[in-house]
Amino acid sequence: MKRLALIVALLLVAAVSALVISVFAQAATSPWAYFVMVTPGSQAAGIYDLTVPLEVMDKAREDLADLRLYD
């Protein structure tokens, strides 16, 4: 029984650690070479339409696969 509790505790610590690492990795914008703030035109929930600025288009990959949006 103690062995099962130890395994569950280790799995819980690993899951929390992975979550914390991913949050810090997404929140750190300083290592990004290019960063632009965008504001949606509407505050309503749903799908947003935004225009990617030219300076971002100039530095992004052709297929825009390297762009990120986060809140």
N, C-alpha and C. Protein backbone atom coordinates (compact mmCIF):
# COMPACT_ATOMS: atom_id res chain seq x y z
N MET A 1 0.82 -1.19 0.00
CA MET A 1 0.00 0.00 0.00
C MET A 1 0.87 1.26 0.00
N LYS A 2 1.96 1.23 0.76
CA LYS A 2 2.86 2.38 0.80
C LYS A 2 3.52 2.59 -0.56
N ARG A 3 3.79 1.50 -1.25
CA ARG A 3 4.42 1.59 -2.57
C ARG A 3 3.48 2.28 -3.57
N LEU A 4 2.20 1.95 -3.52
CA LEU A 4 1.21 2.57 -4.40
C LEU A 4 1.09 4.06 -4.10
N ALA A 5 1.09 4.42 -2.82
CA ALA A 5 1.01 5.83 -2.44
C ALA A 5 2.24 6.59 -2.93
N LEU A 6 3.41 5.98 -2.87
CA LEU A 6 4.63 6.61 -3.35
C LEU A 6 4.57 6.82 -4.86
N ILE A 7 4.10 5.85 -5.60
CA ILE A 7 3.98 5.96 -7.05
C ILE A 7 2.99 7.07 -7.42
N VAL A 8 1.86 7.12 -6.75
CA VAL A 8 0.86 8.16 -7.01
C VAL A 8 1.44 9.53 -6.70
N ALA A 9 2.16 9.66 -5.61
CA ALA A 9 2.76 10.94 -5.24
C ALA A 9 3.79 11.38 -6.27
N LEU A 10 4.61 10.46 -6.75
CA LEU A 10 5.61 10.79 -7.77
C LEU A 10 4.96 11.21 -9.08
N LEU A 11 3.90 10.53 -9.47
CA LEU A 11 3.18 10.90 -10.68
C LEU A 11 2.55 12.28 -10.54
N LEU A 12 2.02 12.58 -9.38
CA LEU A 12 1.42 13.89 -9.14
C LEU A 12 2.48 14.99 -9.21
N VAL A 13 3.64 14.77 -8.61
CA VAL A 13 4.72 15.75 -8.65
C VAL A 13 5.19 15.95 -10.10
N ALA A 14 5.30 14.87 -10.87
CA ALA A 14 5.73 14.98 -12.26
C ALA A 14 4.71 15.77 -13.09
N ALA A 15 3.44 15.54 -12.87
CA ALA A 15 2.39 16.25 -13.62
C ALA A 15 2.39 17.74 -13.28
N VAL A 16 2.51 18.07 -12.02
CA VAL A 16 2.54 19.48 -11.62
C VAL A 16 3.80 20.16 -12.16
N SER A 17 4.92 19.48 -12.13
CA SER A 17 6.16 20.05 -12.66
C SER A 17 6.04 20.32 -14.16
N ALA A 18 5.46 19.40 -14.89
CA ALA A 18 5.28 19.60 -16.33
C ALA A 18 4.37 20.78 -16.61
N LEU A 19 3.33 20.94 -15.83
CA LEU A 19 2.41 22.07 -15.99
C LEU A 19 3.11 23.39 -15.71
N VAL A 20 3.87 23.46 -14.64
CA VAL A 20 4.57 24.69 -14.27
C VAL A 20 5.59 25.05 -15.35
N ILE A 21 6.32 24.08 -15.85
CA ILE A 21 7.32 24.34 -16.90
C ILE A 21 6.65 24.86 -18.15
N SER A 22 5.54 24.27 -18.55
CA SER A 22 4.87 24.72 -19.77
C SER A 22 4.29 26.13 -19.62
N VAL A 23 3.79 26.47 -18.45
CA VAL A 23 3.26 27.82 -18.22
C VAL A 23 4.38 28.85 -18.30
N PHE A 24 5.51 28.58 -17.67
CA PHE A 24 6.63 29.52 -17.74
C PHE A 24 7.19 29.62 -19.15
N ALA A 25 7.20 28.54 -19.89
CA ALA A 25 7.72 28.57 -21.27
C ALA A 25 6.82 29.42 -22.16
N GLN A 26 5.52 29.37 -21.96
CA GLN A 26 4.60 30.16 -22.78
C GLN A 26 4.59 31.63 -22.36
N ALA A 27 4.81 31.91 -21.10
CA ALA A 27 4.70 33.27 -20.60
C ALA A 27 5.96 34.10 -20.83
N ALA A 28 7.07 33.47 -21.07
CA ALA A 28 8.32 34.20 -21.23
C ALA A 28 8.45 34.68 -22.67
N THR A 29 8.17 35.97 -22.89
CA THR A 29 8.25 36.53 -24.24
C THR A 29 9.61 37.13 -24.55
N SER A 30 10.45 37.33 -23.55
CA SER A 30 11.75 37.96 -23.79
C SER A 30 12.66 37.17 -24.72
N PRO A 31 12.65 35.83 -24.73
CA PRO A 31 13.53 35.12 -25.66
C PRO A 31 13.03 35.16 -27.11
N TRP A 32 11.81 35.62 -27.34
CA TRP A 32 11.30 35.67 -28.70
C TRP A 32 11.98 36.81 -29.45
N ALA A 33 12.38 36.54 -30.67
CA ALA A 33 13.05 37.57 -31.47
C ALA A 33 12.10 38.71 -31.84
N TYR A 34 10.83 38.41 -32.07
CA TYR A 34 9.86 39.42 -32.48
C TYR A 34 8.59 39.21 -31.69
N PHE A 35 8.05 40.30 -31.17
CA PHE A 35 6.87 40.24 -30.32
C PHE A 35 6.01 41.45 -30.62
N VAL A 36 4.72 41.23 -30.89
CA VAL A 36 3.79 42.32 -31.18
C VAL A 36 2.51 42.08 -30.40
N MET A 37 2.03 43.13 -29.73
CA MET A 37 0.75 43.04 -29.04
C MET A 37 -0.38 43.26 -30.04
N VAL A 38 -1.40 42.43 -29.99
CA VAL A 38 -2.58 42.62 -30.84
C VAL A 38 -3.80 42.68 -29.94
N THR A 39 -4.77 43.46 -30.34
CA THR A 39 -6.01 43.61 -29.59
C THR A 39 -7.17 43.28 -30.52
N PRO A 40 -8.05 42.37 -30.11
CA PRO A 40 -9.20 42.05 -30.96
C PRO A 40 -10.14 43.24 -31.06
N GLY A 41 -10.84 43.34 -32.16
CA GLY A 41 -11.77 44.44 -32.37
C GLY A 41 -13.02 44.33 -31.53
N SER A 42 -13.33 43.14 -31.05
CA SER A 42 -14.55 42.92 -30.28
C SER A 42 -14.21 42.19 -29.00
N GLN A 43 -14.93 42.46 -27.94
CA GLN A 43 -14.72 41.78 -26.67
C GLN A 43 -15.64 40.56 -26.51
N ALA A 44 -16.49 40.32 -27.48
CA ALA A 44 -17.42 39.20 -27.40
C ALA A 44 -16.66 37.87 -27.59
N ALA A 45 -17.15 36.85 -26.94
CA ALA A 45 -16.53 35.53 -27.08
C ALA A 45 -16.80 34.97 -28.47
N GLY A 46 -15.88 34.17 -28.95
CA GLY A 46 -16.06 33.54 -30.26
C GLY A 46 -14.81 33.59 -31.09
N ILE A 47 -14.97 33.63 -32.38
CA ILE A 47 -13.85 33.67 -33.30
C ILE A 47 -13.47 35.12 -33.56
N TYR A 48 -12.17 35.42 -33.48
CA TYR A 48 -11.68 36.78 -33.68
C TYR A 48 -11.02 36.90 -35.05
N ASP A 49 -11.10 38.06 -35.62
CA ASP A 49 -10.47 38.37 -36.89
C ASP A 49 -9.41 39.43 -36.61
N LEU A 50 -8.16 39.16 -37.00
CA LEU A 50 -7.13 40.16 -36.80
C LEU A 50 -6.21 40.19 -38.01
N THR A 51 -5.57 41.32 -38.18
CA THR A 51 -4.64 41.51 -39.28
C THR A 51 -3.23 41.39 -38.72
N VAL A 52 -2.43 40.55 -39.33
CA VAL A 52 -1.05 40.38 -38.90
C VAL A 52 -0.24 41.56 -39.43
N PRO A 53 0.44 42.30 -38.55
CA PRO A 53 1.21 43.47 -39.00
C PRO A 53 2.32 43.07 -39.99
N LEU A 54 2.69 43.99 -40.86
CA LEU A 54 3.69 43.72 -41.88
C LEU A 54 5.04 43.34 -41.29
N GLU A 55 5.44 43.96 -40.17
CA GLU A 55 6.73 43.61 -39.58
C GLU A 55 6.76 42.17 -39.09
N VAL A 56 5.60 41.64 -38.70
CA VAL A 56 5.52 40.23 -38.30
C VAL A 56 5.56 39.34 -39.55
N MET A 57 4.82 39.72 -40.56
CA MET A 57 4.82 38.95 -41.81
C MET A 57 6.22 38.88 -42.41
N ASP A 58 6.99 39.94 -42.25
CA ASP A 58 8.35 39.98 -42.79
C ASP A 58 9.26 38.97 -42.11
N LYS A 59 9.06 38.73 -40.81
CA LYS A 59 9.95 37.85 -40.04
C LYS A 59 9.41 36.44 -39.89
N ALA A 60 8.13 36.21 -40.18
CA ALA A 60 7.52 34.90 -39.98
C ALA A 60 7.82 33.97 -41.15
N ARG A 61 7.62 32.67 -40.90
CA ARG A 61 7.76 31.70 -41.97
C ARG A 61 6.67 31.93 -43.00
N GLU A 62 6.88 31.43 -44.20
CA GLU A 62 5.93 31.65 -45.29
C GLU A 62 4.55 31.07 -44.98
N ASP A 63 4.53 29.92 -44.30
CA ASP A 63 3.24 29.30 -43.96
C ASP A 63 2.68 29.78 -42.61
N LEU A 64 3.36 30.73 -41.96
CA LEU A 64 2.96 31.31 -40.67
C LEU A 64 2.88 30.28 -39.54
N ALA A 65 3.55 29.16 -39.68
CA ALA A 65 3.50 28.11 -38.67
C ALA A 65 4.24 28.48 -37.39
N ASP A 66 5.06 29.51 -37.41
CA ASP A 66 5.82 29.90 -36.24
C ASP A 66 5.16 31.04 -35.44
N LEU A 67 3.96 31.42 -35.79
CA LEU A 67 3.25 32.47 -35.04
C LEU A 67 2.53 31.88 -33.84
N ARG A 68 2.48 32.64 -32.75
CA ARG A 68 1.77 32.20 -31.55
C ARG A 68 0.86 33.32 -31.08
N LEU A 69 -0.31 32.95 -30.62
CA LEU A 69 -1.22 33.87 -29.95
C LEU A 69 -1.50 33.30 -28.57
N TYR A 70 -1.36 34.14 -27.55
CA TYR A 70 -1.73 33.68 -26.22
C TYR A 70 -2.26 34.85 -25.42
N ASP A 71 -3.01 34.51 -24.40
CA ASP A 71 -3.66 35.52 -23.57
C ASP A 71 -2.95 35.63 -22.25
